[in-house]
Amino acid sequence: MSHIHTRADLVFAQKVQRALVEHLQGSPLKDDTLTIASIGDLEVRIAAADALLGQAGRSSVEAAAARLAAAEAAQRASELEVELTGRQTPRPSVEGDVVPLSQLRRRLGDHYLNGVALT
């Protein structure tokens, strides 16, 4: 499994997170408890996706987990950007054959629940 989509989503989430922190530094929202928790949650998602990507070469299961984690971090970053700034940075489009995320989630779940090999 190629990691190009995973890396693209991870880099996107990191860029949006940095832009959000920079934006919030000059905003009264920087002291808001829910805003602080949201930024913390995003940072955890990004760190988890990054750690999973570091292990993704070991198996297709780890590659799938990394792909999903990076996609979810990117999605959450997009949502927070709209919520906190009213703007939305377009997610990069990456060419190539990729399994849809919903199908990848199902395959990963089938692997963990039923022992089905991830292909």
PDB file of N, CA and C in Angstrom:
ATOM      1  N   MET A   1       0.849  -1.177   0.000  1.00  0.00           N
ATOM      2  CA  MET A   1       0.000   0.000   0.000  1.00  0.00           C
ATOM      3  C   MET A   1       0.894   1.240   0.000  1.00  0.00           C
ATOM      4  N   SER A   2       0.635   2.124  -0.920  1.00  0.00           N
ATOM      5  CA  SER A   2       1.372   3.382  -1.000  1.00  0.00           C
ATOM      6  C   SER A   2       0.939   4.298   0.144  1.00  0.00           C
ATOM      7  N   HIS A   3       1.870   5.068   0.635  1.00  0.00           N
ATOM      8  CA  HIS A   3       1.570   5.965   1.747  1.00  0.00           C
ATOM      9  C   HIS A   3       1.393   7.407   1.292  1.00  0.00           C
ATOM     10  N   ILE A   4       1.283   7.630  -0.021  1.00  0.00           N
ATOM     11  CA  ILE A   4       1.207   8.991  -0.540  1.00  0.00           C
ATOM     12  C   ILE A   4      -0.034   9.727  -0.030  1.00  0.00           C
ATOM     13  N   HIS A   5      -1.180   9.047   0.025  1.00  0.00           N
ATOM     14  CA  HIS A   5      -2.407   9.670   0.507  1.00  0.00           C
ATOM     15  C   HIS A   5      -2.309   9.943   2.009  1.00  0.00           C
ATOM     16  N   THR A   6      -1.719   9.007   2.723  1.00  0.00           N
ATOM     17  CA  THR A   6      -1.543   9.163   4.169  1.00  0.00           C
ATOM     18  C   THR A   6      -0.667  10.375   4.459  1.00  0.00           C
ATOM     19  N   ARG A   7       0.453  10.458   3.776  1.00  0.00           N
ATOM     20  CA  ARG A   7       1.364  11.599   3.983  1.00  0.00           C
ATOM     21  C   ARG A   7       0.696  12.921   3.611  1.00  0.00           C
ATOM     22  N   ALA A   8      -0.039  12.939   2.508  1.00  0.00           N
ATOM     23  CA  ALA A   8      -0.701  14.174   2.068  1.00  0.00           C
ATOM     24  C   ALA A   8      -1.710  14.647   3.118  1.00  0.00           C
ATOM     25  N   ASP A   9      -2.495  13.729   3.659  1.00  0.00           N
ATOM     26  CA  ASP A   9      -3.468  14.104   4.691  1.00  0.00           C
ATOM     27  C   ASP A   9      -2.771  14.552   5.971  1.00  0.00           C
ATOM     28  N   LEU A  10      -1.700  13.879   6.332  1.00  0.00           N
ATOM     29  CA  LEU A  10      -0.965  14.244   7.545  1.00  0.00           C
ATOM     30  C   LEU A  10      -0.340  15.635   7.409  1.00  0.00           C
ATOM     31  N   VAL A  11       0.299  15.909   6.285  1.00  0.00           N
ATOM     32  CA  VAL A  11       0.902  17.229   6.059  1.00  0.00           C
ATOM     33  C   VAL A  11      -0.178  18.308   6.057  1.00  0.00           C
ATOM     34  N   PHE A  12      -1.304  18.021   5.428  1.00  0.00           N
ATOM     35  CA  PHE A  12      -2.411  18.977   5.408  1.00  0.00           C
ATOM     36  C   PHE A  12      -2.886  19.279   6.825  1.00  0.00           C
ATOM     37  N   ALA A  13      -3.101  18.252   7.627  1.00  0.00           N
ATOM     38  CA  ALA A  13      -3.571  18.445   9.009  1.00  0.00           C
ATOM     39  C   ALA A  13      -2.564  19.263   9.815  1.00  0.00           C
ATOM     40  N   GLN A  14      -1.280  18.982   9.629  1.00  0.00           N
ATOM     41  CA  GLN A  14      -0.239  19.730  10.339  1.00  0.00           C
ATOM     42  C   GLN A  14      -0.236  21.202   9.937  1.00  0.00           C
ATOM     43  N   LYS A  15      -0.373  21.479   8.645  1.00  0.00           N
ATOM     44  CA  LYS A  15      -0.386  22.867   8.157  1.00  0.00           C
ATOM     45  C   LYS A  15      -1.584  23.627   8.722  1.00  0.00           C
ATOM     46  N   VAL A  16      -2.747  23.003   8.686  1.00  0.00           N
ATOM     47  CA  VAL A  16      -3.954  23.658   9.197  1.00  0.00           C
ATOM     48  C   VAL A  16      -3.831  23.874  10.698  1.00  0.00           C
ATOM     49  N   GLN A  17      -3.293  22.904  11.410  1.00  0.00           N
ATOM     50  CA  GLN A  17      -3.126  23.044  12.861  1.00  0.00           C
ATOM     51  C   GLN A  17      -2.210  24.220  13.184  1.00  0.00           C
ATOM     52  N   ARG A  18      -1.104  24.336  12.473  1.00  0.00           N
ATOM     53  CA  ARG A  18      -0.184  25.467  12.703  1.00  0.00           C
ATOM     54  C   ARG A  18      -0.869  26.797  12.389  1.00  0.00           C
ATOM     55  N   ALA A  19      -1.627  26.843  11.298  1.00  0.00           N
ATOM     56  CA  ALA A  19      -2.339  28.067  10.932  1.00  0.00           C
ATOM     57  C   ALA A  19      -3.401  28.426  11.974  1.00  0.00           C
ATOM     58  N   LEU A  20      -4.074  27.418  12.511  1.00  0.00           N
ATOM     59  CA  LEU A  20      -5.072  27.660  13.546  1.00  0.00           C
ATOM     60  C   LEU A  20      -4.433  28.232  14.808  1.00  0.00           C
ATOM     61  N   VAL A  21      -3.329  27.644  15.231  1.00  0.00           N
ATOM     62  CA  VAL A  21      -2.645  28.133  16.432  1.00  0.00           C
ATOM     63  C   VAL A  21      -2.211  29.582  16.220  1.00  0.00           C
ATOM     64  N   GLU A  22      -1.653  29.859  15.062  1.00  0.00           N
ATOM     65  CA  GLU A  22      -1.218  31.225  14.760  1.00  0.00           C
ATOM     66  C   GLU A  22      -2.406  32.186  14.786  1.00  0.00           C
ATOM     67  N   HIS A  23      -3.508  31.788  14.171  1.00  0.00           N
ATOM     68  CA  HIS A  23      -4.716  32.613  14.137  1.00  0.00           C
ATOM     69  C   HIS A  23      -5.256  32.849  15.548  1.00  0.00           C
ATOM     70  N   LEU A  24      -5.272  31.805  16.349  1.00  0.00           N
ATOM     71  CA  LEU A  24      -5.859  31.905  17.686  1.00  0.00           C
ATOM     72  C   LEU A  24      -5.012  32.705  18.660  1.00  0.00           C
ATOM     73  N   GLN A  25      -3.708  32.828  18.394  1.00  0.00           N
ATOM     74  CA  GLN A  25      -2.847  33.594  19.284  1.00  0.00           C
ATOM     75  C   GLN A  25      -3.327  35.037  19.424  1.00  0.00           C
ATOM     76  N   GLY A  26      -3.917  35.593  18.397  1.00  0.00           N
ATOM     77  CA  GLY A  26      -4.407  36.961  18.447  1.00  0.00           C
ATOM     78  C   GLY A  26      -5.905  37.057  18.660  1.00  0.00           C
ATOM     79  N   SER A  27      -6.495  36.008  19.136  1.00  0.00           N
ATOM     80  CA  SER A  27      -7.947  35.957  19.267  1.00  0.00           C
ATOM     81  C   SER A  27      -8.348  35.730  20.725  1.00  0.00           C
ATOM     82  N   PRO A  28      -9.497  36.275  21.128  1.00  0.00           N
ATOM     83  CA  PRO A  28      -9.987  35.993  22.480  1.00  0.00           C
ATOM     84  C   PRO A  28     -10.311  34.510  22.690  1.00  0.00           C
ATOM     85  N   LEU A  29     -10.470  33.772  21.598  1.00  0.00           N
ATOM     86  CA  LEU A  29     -10.764  32.339  21.707  1.00  0.00           C
ATOM     87  C   LEU A  29      -9.585  31.533  22.256  1.00  0.00           C
ATOM     88  N   LYS A  30      -8.397  32.132  22.280  1.00  0.00           N
ATOM     89  CA  LYS A  30      -7.222  31.379  22.729  1.00  0.00           C
ATOM     90  C   LYS A  30      -7.341  30.941  24.190  1.00  0.00           C
ATOM     91  N   ASP A  31      -8.201  31.587  24.964  1.00  0.00           N
ATOM     92  CA  ASP A  31      -8.395  31.235  26.362  1.00  0.00           C
ATOM     93  C   ASP A  31      -9.675  30.442  26.603  1.00  0.00           C
ATOM     94  N   ASP A  32     -10.416  30.171  25.530  1.00  0.00           N
ATOM     95  CA  ASP A  32     -11.663  29.421  25.643  1.00  0.00           C
ATOM     96  C   ASP A  32     -11.373  27.937  25.860  1.00  0.00           C
ATOM     97  N   THR A  33     -11.975  27.359  26.869  1.00  0.00           N
ATOM     98  CA  THR A  33     -11.718  25.975  27.237  1.00  0.00           C
ATOM     99  C   THR A  33     -11.999  25.000  26.097  1.00  0.00           C
ATOM    100  N   LEU A  34     -13.110  25.179  25.412  1.00  0.00           N
ATOM    101  CA  LEU A  34     -13.447  24.259  24.315  1.00  0.00           C
ATOM    102  C   LEU A  34     -12.488  24.408  23.140  1.00  0.00           C
ATOM    103  N   THR A  35     -12.044  25.624  22.880  1.00  0.00           N
ATOM    104  CA  THR A  35     -11.073  25.849  21.807  1.00  0.00           C
ATOM    105  C   THR A  35      -9.752  25.173  22.158  1.00  0.00           C
ATOM    106  N   ILE A  36      -9.315  25.356  23.384  1.00  0.00           N
ATOM    107  CA  ILE A  36      -8.072  24.726  23.830  1.00  0.00           C
ATOM    108  C   ILE A  36      -8.168  23.210  23.707  1.00  0.00           C
ATOM    109  N   ALA A  37      -9.293  22.645  24.144  1.00  0.00           N
ATOM    110  CA  ALA A  37      -9.482  21.193  24.056  1.00  0.00           C
ATOM    111  C   ALA A  37      -9.521  20.727  22.608  1.00  0.00           C
ATOM    112  N   SER A  38     -10.136  21.504  21.738  1.00  0.00           N
ATOM    113  CA  SER A  38     -10.212  21.138  20.319  1.00  0.00           C
ATOM    114  C   SER A  38      -8.833  21.108  19.677  1.00  0.00           C
ATOM    115  N   ILE A  39      -8.005  22.109  19.990  1.00  0.00           N
ATOM    116  CA  ILE A  39      -6.652  22.135  19.451  1.00  0.00           C
ATOM    117  C   ILE A  39      -5.842  20.970  20.016  1.00  0.00           C
ATOM    118  N   GLY A  40      -6.026  20.679  21.292  1.00  0.00           N
ATOM    119  CA  GLY A  40      -5.345  19.529  21.902  1.00  0.00           C
ATOM    120  C   GLY A  40      -5.762  18.220  21.259  1.00  0.00           C
ATOM    121  N   ASP A  41      -7.054  18.069  21.014  1.00  0.00           N
ATOM    122  CA  ASP A  41      -7.564  16.858  20.358  1.00  0.00           C
ATOM    123  C   ASP A  41      -6.969  16.708  18.963  1.00  0.00           C
ATOM    124  N   LEU A  42      -6.898  17.799  18.229  1.00  0.00           N
ATOM    125  CA  LEU A  42      -6.313  17.755  16.887  1.00  0.00           C
ATOM    126  C   LEU A  42      -4.845  17.355  16.966  1.00  0.00           C
ATOM    127  N   GLU A  43      -4.118  17.909  17.911  1.00  0.00           N
ATOM    128  CA  GLU A  43      -2.702  17.569  18.063  1.00  0.00           C
ATOM    129  C   GLU A  43      -2.523  16.081  18.367  1.00  0.00           C
ATOM    130  N   VAL A  44      -3.388  15.521  19.199  1.00  0.00           N
ATOM    131  CA  VAL A  44      -3.310  14.084  19.507  1.00  0.00           C
ATOM    132  C   VAL A  44      -3.584  13.260  18.253  1.00  0.00           C
ATOM    133  N   ARG A  45      -4.577  13.654  17.476  1.00  0.00           N
ATOM    134  CA  ARG A  45      -4.892  12.927  16.236  1.00  0.00           C
ATOM    135  C   ARG A  45      -3.716  12.961  15.255  1.00  0.00           C
ATOM    136  N   ILE A  46      -3.090  14.129  15.149  1.00  0.00           N
ATOM    137  CA  ILE A  46      -1.945  14.267  14.251  1.00  0.00           C
ATOM    138  C   ILE A  46      -0.780  13.424  14.740  1.00  0.00           C
ATOM    139  N   ALA A  47      -0.504  13.474  16.019  1.00  0.00           N
ATOM    140  CA  ALA A  47       0.607  12.689  16.579  1.00  0.00           C
ATOM    141  C   ALA A  47       0.347  11.187  16.418  1.00  0.00           C
ATOM    142  N   ALA A  48      -0.886  10.767  16.609  1.00  0.00           N
ATOM    143  CA  ALA A  48      -1.223   9.349  16.444  1.00  0.00           C
ATOM    144  C   ALA A  48      -1.043   8.920  14.985  1.00  0.00           C
ATOM    145  N   ALA A  49      -1.520   9.731  14.062  1.00  0.00           N
ATOM    146  CA  ALA A  49      -1.371   9.402  12.644  1.00  0.00           C
ATOM    147  C   ALA A  49       0.099   9.346  12.257  1.00  0.00           C
ATOM    148  N   ASP A  50       0.886  10.278  12.777  1.00  0.00           N
ATOM    149  CA  ASP A  50       2.319  10.299  12.493  1.00  0.00           C
ATOM    150  C   ASP A  50       3.005   9.047  13.035  1.00  0.00           C
ATOM    151  N   ALA A  51       2.655   8.666  14.250  1.00  0.00           N
ATOM    152  CA  ALA A  51       3.240   7.454  14.847  1.00  0.00           C
ATOM    153  C   ALA A  51       2.830   6.213  14.062  1.00  0.00           C
ATOM    154  N   LEU A  52       1.581   6.130  13.675  1.00  0.00           N
ATOM    155  CA  LEU A  52       1.120   4.982  12.889  1.00  0.00           C
ATOM    156  C   LEU A  52       1.796   4.936  11.527  1.00  0.00           C
ATOM    157  N   LEU A  53       2.004   6.101  10.924  1.00  0.00           N
ATOM    158  CA  LEU A  53       2.693   6.141   9.637  1.00  0.00           C
ATOM    159  C   LEU A  53       4.121   5.623   9.783  1.00  0.00           C
ATOM    160  N   GLY A  54       4.740   5.913  10.907  1.00  0.00           N
ATOM    161  CA  GLY A  54       6.090   5.415  11.158  1.00  0.00           C
ATOM    162  C   GLY A  54       6.164   3.902  11.218  1.00  0.00           C
ATOM    163  N   GLN A  55       5.051   3.258  11.531  1.00  0.00           N
ATOM    164  CA  GLN A  55       4.999   1.792  11.614  1.00  0.00           C
ATOM    165  C   GLN A  55       4.325   1.168  10.402  1.00  0.00           C
ATOM    166  N   ALA A  56       3.866   1.978   9.474  1.00  0.00           N
ATOM    167  CA  ALA A  56       3.036   1.499   8.366  1.00  0.00           C
ATOM    168  C   ALA A  56       3.732   0.546   7.417  1.00  0.00           C
ATOM    169  N   GLY A  57       5.046   0.553   7.397  1.00  0.00           N
ATOM    170  CA  GLY A  57       5.752  -0.339   6.491  1.00  0.00           C
ATOM    171  C   GLY A  57       5.795  -1.781   6.958  1.00  0.00           C
ATOM    172  N   ARG A  58       5.388  -2.025   8.184  1.00  0.00           N
ATOM    173  CA  ARG A  58       5.495  -3.380   8.740  1.00  0.00           C
ATOM    174  C   ARG A  58       4.370  -4.313   8.305  1.00  0.00           C
ATOM    175  N   SER A  59       3.183  -3.763   8.071  1.00  0.00           N
ATOM    176  CA  SER A  59       2.083  -4.629   7.644  1.00  0.00           C
ATOM    177  C   SER A  59       0.978  -3.811   6.996  1.00  0.00           C
ATOM    178  N   SER A  60       0.116  -4.491   6.277  1.00  0.00           N
ATOM    179  CA  SER A  60      -1.003  -3.803   5.640  1.00  0.00           C
ATOM    180  C   SER A  60      -2.006  -3.315   6.677  1.00  0.00           C
ATOM    181  N   VAL A  61      -2.089  -3.979   7.820  1.00  0.00           N
ATOM    182  CA  VAL A  61      -2.983  -3.550   8.897  1.00  0.00           C
ATOM    183  C   VAL A  61      -2.510  -2.201   9.443  1.00  0.00           C
ATOM    184  N   GLU A  62      -1.217  -2.086   9.700  1.00  0.00           N
ATOM    185  CA  GLU A  62      -0.684  -0.826  10.211  1.00  0.00           C
ATOM    186  C   GLU A  62      -0.782   0.281   9.169  1.00  0.00           C
ATOM    187  N   ALA A  63      -0.591  -0.055   7.905  1.00  0.00           N
ATOM    188  CA  ALA A  63      -0.740   0.932   6.838  1.00  0.00           C
ATOM    189  C   ALA A  63      -2.184   1.429   6.766  1.00  0.00           C
ATOM    190  N   ALA A  64      -3.138   0.530   6.913  1.00  0.00           N
ATOM    191  CA  ALA A  64      -4.555   0.915   6.885  1.00  0.00           C
ATOM    192  C   ALA A  64      -4.898   1.790   8.088  1.00  0.00           C
ATOM    193  N   ALA A  65      -4.400   1.440   9.252  1.00  0.00           N
ATOM    194  CA  ALA A  65      -4.654   2.238  10.454  1.00  0.00           C
ATOM    195  C   ALA A  65      -4.062   3.639  10.296  1.00  0.00           C
ATOM    196  N   ALA A  66      -2.875   3.732   9.729  1.00  0.00           N
ATOM    197  CA  ALA A  66      -2.244   5.030   9.501  1.00  0.00           C
ATOM    198  C   ALA A  66      -3.059   5.852   8.510  1.00  0.00           C
ATOM    199  N   ARG A  67      -3.523   5.212   7.443  1.00  0.00           N
ATOM    200  CA  ARG A  67      -4.315   5.902   6.418  1.00  0.00           C
ATOM    201  C   ARG A  67      -5.582   6.489   7.025  1.00  0.00           C
ATOM    202  N   LEU A  68      -6.271   5.693   7.815  1.00  0.00           N
ATOM    203  CA  LEU A  68      -7.506   6.162   8.438  1.00  0.00           C
ATOM    204  C   LEU A  68      -7.241   7.273   9.442  1.00  0.00           C
ATOM    205  N   ALA A  69      -6.205   7.116  10.253  1.00  0.00           N
ATOM    206  CA  ALA A  69      -5.877   8.133  11.255  1.00  0.00           C
ATOM    207  C   ALA A  69      -5.519   9.457  10.597  1.00  0.00           C
ATOM    208  N   ALA A  70      -4.742   9.423   9.525  1.00  0.00           N
ATOM    209  CA  ALA A  70      -4.362  10.653   8.833  1.00  0.00           C
ATOM    210  C   ALA A  70      -5.578  11.307   8.181  1.00  0.00           C
ATOM    211  N   ALA A  71      -6.444  10.511   7.586  1.00  0.00           N
ATOM    212  CA  ALA A  71      -7.650  11.056   6.954  1.00  0.00           C
ATOM    213  C   ALA A  71      -8.564  11.701   7.994  1.00  0.00           C
ATOM    214  N   GLU A  72      -8.692  11.061   9.154  1.00  0.00           N
ATOM    215  CA  GLU A  72      -9.536  11.624  10.208  1.00  0.00           C
ATOM    216  C   GLU A  72      -8.919  12.883  10.804  1.00  0.00           C
ATOM    217  N   ALA A  73      -7.598  12.928  10.925  1.00  0.00           N
ATOM    218  CA  ALA A  73      -6.928  14.144  11.409  1.00  0.00           C
ATOM    219  C   ALA A  73      -7.143  15.284  10.415  1.00  0.00           C
ATOM    220  N   ALA A  74      -7.031  15.001   9.131  1.00  0.00           N
ATOM    221  CA  ALA A  74      -7.242  16.026   8.108  1.00  0.00           C
ATOM    222  C   ALA A  74      -8.685  16.520   8.121  1.00  0.00           C
ATOM    223  N   GLN A  75      -9.614  15.601   8.265  1.00  0.00           N
ATOM    224  CA  GLN A  75     -11.028  15.978   8.311  1.00  0.00           C
ATOM    225  C   GLN A  75     -11.318  16.852   9.528  1.00  0.00           C
ATOM    226  N   ARG A  76     -10.794  16.468  10.679  1.00  0.00           N
ATOM    227  CA  ARG A  76     -11.010  17.254  11.904  1.00  0.00           C
ATOM    228  C   ARG A  76     -10.359  18.627  11.786  1.00  0.00           C
ATOM    229  N   ALA A  77      -9.181  18.684  11.185  1.00  0.00           N
ATOM    230  CA  ALA A  77      -8.513  19.975  10.974  1.00  0.00           C
ATOM    231  C   ALA A  77      -9.385  20.880  10.110  1.00  0.00           C
ATOM    232  N   SER A  78      -9.963  20.340   9.053  1.00  0.00           N
ATOM    233  CA  SER A  78     -10.850  21.115   8.176  1.00  0.00           C
ATOM    234  C   SER A  78     -12.061  21.632   8.939  1.00  0.00           C
ATOM    235  N   GLU A  79     -12.670  20.768   9.720  1.00  0.00           N
ATOM    236  CA  GLU A  79     -13.845  21.163  10.496  1.00  0.00           C
ATOM    237  C   GLU A  79     -13.509  22.281  11.488  1.00  0.00           C
ATOM    238  N   LEU A  80     -12.392  22.127  12.183  1.00  0.00           N
ATOM    239  CA  LEU A  80     -11.990  23.147  13.158  1.00  0.00           C
ATOM    240  C   LEU A  80     -11.668  24.476  12.475  1.00  0.00           C
ATOM    241  N   GLU A  81     -11.038  24.402  11.325  1.00  0.00           N
ATOM    242  CA  GLU A  81     -10.710  25.628  10.611  1.00  0.00           C
ATOM    243  C   GLU A  81     -11.976  26.401  10.265  1.00  0.00           C
ATOM    244  N   VAL A  82     -12.986  25.713   9.778  1.00  0.00           N
ATOM    245  CA  VAL A  82     -14.250  26.369   9.447  1.00  0.00           C
ATOM    246  C   VAL A  82     -14.903  26.909  10.720  1.00  0.00           C
ATOM    247  N   GLU A  83     -14.923  26.103  11.752  1.00  0.00           N
ATOM    248  CA  GLU A  83     -15.558  26.480  13.016  1.00  0.00           C
ATOM    249  C   GLU A  83     -14.894  27.697  13.659  1.00  0.00           C
ATOM    250  N   LEU A  84     -13.567  27.724  13.644  1.00  0.00           N
ATOM    251  CA  LEU A  84     -12.840  28.759  14.386  1.00  0.00           C
ATOM    252  C   LEU A  84     -12.440  29.974  13.563  1.00  0.00           C
ATOM    253  N   THR A  85     -12.399  29.824  12.234  1.00  0.00           N
ATOM    254  CA  THR A  85     -11.960  30.960  11.406  1.00  0.00           C
ATOM    255  C   THR A  85     -12.980  31.352  10.345  1.00  0.00           C
ATOM    256  N   GLY A  86     -13.898  30.462  10.039  1.00  0.00           N
ATOM    257  CA  GLY A  86     -14.851  30.736   8.961  1.00  0.00           C
ATOM    258  C   GLY A  86     -14.279  30.484   7.584  1.00  0.00           C
ATOM    259  N   ARG A  87     -13.031  30.032   7.531  1.00  0.00           N
ATOM    260  CA  ARG A  87     -12.376  29.733   6.250  1.00  0.00           C
ATOM    261  C   ARG A  87     -12.166  28.228   6.135  1.00  0.00           C
ATOM    262  N   GLN A  88     -11.879  27.809   4.909  1.00  0.00           N
ATOM    263  CA  GLN A  88     -11.551  26.399   4.707  1.00  0.00           C
ATOM    264  C   GLN A  88     -10.469  26.269   3.644  1.00  0.00           C
ATOM    265  N   THR A  89      -9.364  25.683   4.044  1.00  0.00           N
ATOM    266  CA  THR A  89      -8.284  25.393   3.113  1.00  0.00           C
ATOM    267  C   THR A  89      -8.654  24.114   2.373  1.00  0.00           C
ATOM    268  N   PRO A  90      -8.613  24.131   1.043  1.00  0.00           N
ATOM    269  CA  PRO A  90      -8.947  22.905   0.310  1.00  0.00           C
ATOM    270  C   PRO A  90      -7.926  21.796   0.589  1.00  0.00           C
ATOM    271  N   ARG A  91      -8.430  20.615   0.797  1.00  0.00           N
ATOM    272  CA  ARG A  91      -7.555  19.457   0.968  1.00  0.00           C
ATOM    273  C   ARG A  91      -6.930  19.119  -0.364  1.00  0.00           C
ATOM    274  N   PRO A  92      -5.655  18.768  -0.349  1.00  0.00           N
ATOM    275  CA  PRO A  92      -5.001  18.437  -1.619  1.00  0.00           C
ATOM    276  C   PRO A  92      -5.582  17.171  -2.229  1.00  0.00           C
ATOM    277  N   SER A  93      -5.632  17.167  -3.521  1.00  0.00           N
ATOM    278  CA  SER A  93      -6.092  15.992  -4.249  1.00  0.00           C
ATOM    279  C   SER A  93      -4.852  15.215  -4.688  1.00  0.00           C
ATOM    280  N   VAL A  94      -4.848  13.947  -4.374  1.00  0.00           N
ATOM    281  CA  VAL A  94      -3.702  13.103  -4.719  1.00  0.00           C
ATOM    282  C   VAL A  94      -4.177  12.060  -5.715  1.00  0.00           C
ATOM    283  N   GLU A  95      -3.462  11.974  -6.815  1.00  0.00           N
ATOM    284  CA  GLU A  95      -3.798  11.000  -7.848  1.00  0.00           C
ATOM    285  C   GLU A  95      -3.371   9.602  -7.424  1.00  0.00           C
ATOM    286  N   GLY A  96      -4.016   8.632  -7.983  1.00  0.00           N
ATOM    287  CA  GLY A  96      -3.616   7.254  -7.731  1.00  0.00           C
ATOM    288  C   GLY A  96      -4.782   6.412  -7.266  1.00  0.00           C
ATOM    289  N   ASP A  97      -4.611   5.135  -7.424  1.00  0.00           N
ATOM    290  CA  ASP A  97      -5.630   4.172  -7.029  1.00  0.00           C
ATOM    291  C   ASP A  97      -5.632   4.047  -5.510  1.00  0.00           C
ATOM    292  N   VAL A  98      -6.763   4.296  -4.914  1.00  0.00           N
ATOM    293  CA  VAL A  98      -6.860   4.220  -3.461  1.00  0.00           C
ATOM    294  C   VAL A  98      -8.198   3.589  -3.077  1.00  0.00           C
ATOM    295  N   VAL A  99      -8.159   2.804  -2.029  1.00  0.00           N
ATOM    296  CA  VAL A  99      -9.368   2.179  -1.505  1.00  0.00           C
ATOM    297  C   VAL A  99     -10.168   3.265  -0.784  1.00  0.00           C
ATOM    298  N   PRO A 100     -11.468   3.389  -1.056  1.00  0.00           N
ATOM    299  CA  PRO A 100     -12.276   4.373  -0.334  1.00  0.00           C
ATOM    300  C   PRO A 100     -12.177   4.143   1.178  1.00  0.00           C
ATOM    301  N   LEU A 101     -12.181   5.234   1.938  1.00  0.00           N
ATOM    302  CA  LEU A 101     -11.999   5.136   3.386  1.00  0.00           C
ATOM    303  C   LEU A 101     -13.068   4.280   4.055  1.00  0.00           C
ATOM    304  N   SER A 102     -14.308   4.371   3.590  1.00  0.00           N
ATOM    305  CA  SER A 102     -15.370   3.564   4.192  1.00  0.00           C
ATOM    306  C   SER A 102     -15.093   2.074   3.995  1.00  0.00           C
ATOM    307  N   GLN A 103     -14.579   1.715   2.842  1.00  0.00           N
ATOM    308  CA  GLN A 103     -14.246   0.318   2.572  1.00  0.00           C
ATOM    309  C   GLN A 103     -13.027  -0.112   3.388  1.00  0.00           C
ATOM    310  N   LEU A 104     -12.066   0.787   3.545  1.00  0.00           N
ATOM    311  CA  LEU A 104     -10.877   0.486   4.339  1.00  0.00           C
ATOM    312  C   LEU A 104     -11.254   0.278   5.804  1.00  0.00           C
ATOM    313  N   ARG A 105     -12.169   1.106   6.323  1.00  0.00           N
ATOM    314  CA  ARG A 105     -12.659   0.931   7.700  1.00  0.00           C
ATOM    315  C   ARG A 105     -13.307  -0.436   7.870  1.00  0.00           C
ATOM    316  N   ARG A 106     -14.126  -0.802   6.896  1.00  0.00           N
ATOM    317  CA  ARG A 106     -14.819  -2.091   6.961  1.00  0.00           C
ATOM    318  C   ARG A 106     -13.816  -3.245   6.939  1.00  0.00           C
ATOM    319  N   ARG A 107     -12.837  -3.161   6.050  1.00  0.00           N
ATOM    320  CA  ARG A 107     -11.819  -4.218   5.964  1.00  0.00           C
ATOM    321  C   ARG A 107     -11.021  -4.330   7.257  1.00  0.00           C
ATOM    322  N   LEU A 108     -10.653  -3.194   7.831  1.00  0.00           N
ATOM    323  CA  LEU A 108      -9.892  -3.202   9.079  1.00  0.00           C
ATOM    324  C   LEU A 108     -10.738  -3.777  10.215  1.00  0.00           C
ATOM    325  N   GLY A 109     -12.001  -3.393  10.268  1.00  0.00           N
ATOM    326  CA  GLY A 109     -12.905  -3.952  11.267  1.00  0.00           C
ATOM    327  C   GLY A 109     -13.087  -5.448  11.093  1.00  0.00           C
ATOM    328  N   ASP A 110     -13.230  -5.893   9.856  1.00  0.00           N
ATOM    329  CA  ASP A 110     -13.374  -7.323   9.576  1.00  0.00           C
ATOM    330  C   ASP A 110     -12.116  -8.075   9.992  1.00  0.00           C
ATOM    331  N   HIS A 111     -10.964  -7.447   9.803  1.00  0.00           N
ATOM    332  CA  HIS A 111      -9.709  -8.066  10.226  1.00  0.00           C
ATOM    333  C   HIS A 111      -9.693  -8.269  11.742  1.00  0.00           C
ATOM    334  N   TYR A 112     -10.028  -7.219  12.490  1.00  0.00           N
ATOM    335  CA  TYR A 112      -9.969  -7.304  13.952  1.00  0.00           C
ATOM    336  C   TYR A 112     -11.091  -8.142  14.547  1.00  0.00           C
ATOM    337  N   LEU A 113     -12.291  -8.064  13.961  1.00  0.00           N
ATOM    338  CA  LEU A 113     -13.408  -8.813  14.518  1.00  0.00           C
ATOM    339  C   LEU A 113     -13.430 -10.276  14.094  1.00  0.00           C
ATOM    340  N   ASN A 114     -13.049 -10.527  12.846  1.00  0.00           N
ATOM    341  CA  ASN A 114     -13.242 -11.869  12.290  1.00  0.00           C
ATOM    342  C   ASN A 114     -11.956 -12.539  11.823  1.00  0.00           C
ATOM    343  N   GLY A 115     -10.832 -11.868  12.005  1.00  0.00           N
ATOM    344  CA  GLY A 115      -9.556 -12.458  11.616  1.00  0.00           C
ATOM    345  C   GLY A 115      -9.316 -12.541  10.119  1.00  0.00           C
ATOM    346  N   VAL A 116     -10.093 -11.786   9.342  1.00  0.00           N
ATOM    347  CA  VAL A 116      -9.944 -11.795   7.896  1.00  0.00           C
ATOM    348  C   VAL A 116      -8.667 -11.040   7.529  1.00  0.00           C
ATOM    349  N   ALA A 117      -7.893 -11.629   6.626  1.00  0.00           N
ATOM    350  CA  ALA A 117      -6.650 -10.983   6.187  1.00  0.00           C
ATOM    351  C   ALA A 117      -6.973  -9.691   5.462  1.00  0.00           C
ATOM    352  N   LEU A 118      -6.192  -8.671   5.739  1.00  0.00           N
ATOM    353  CA  LEU A 118      -6.358  -7.385   5.076  1.00  0.00           C
ATOM    354  C   LEU A 118      -5.599  -7.407   3.766  1.00  0.00           C
ATOM    355  N   THR A 119      -6.332  -7.220   2.652  1.00  0.00           N
ATOM    356  CA  THR A 119      -5.686  -7.250   1.327  1.00  0.00           C
ATOM    357  C   THR A 119      -5.746  -5.909   0.667  1.00  0.00           C
TER     358      THR A 119
END
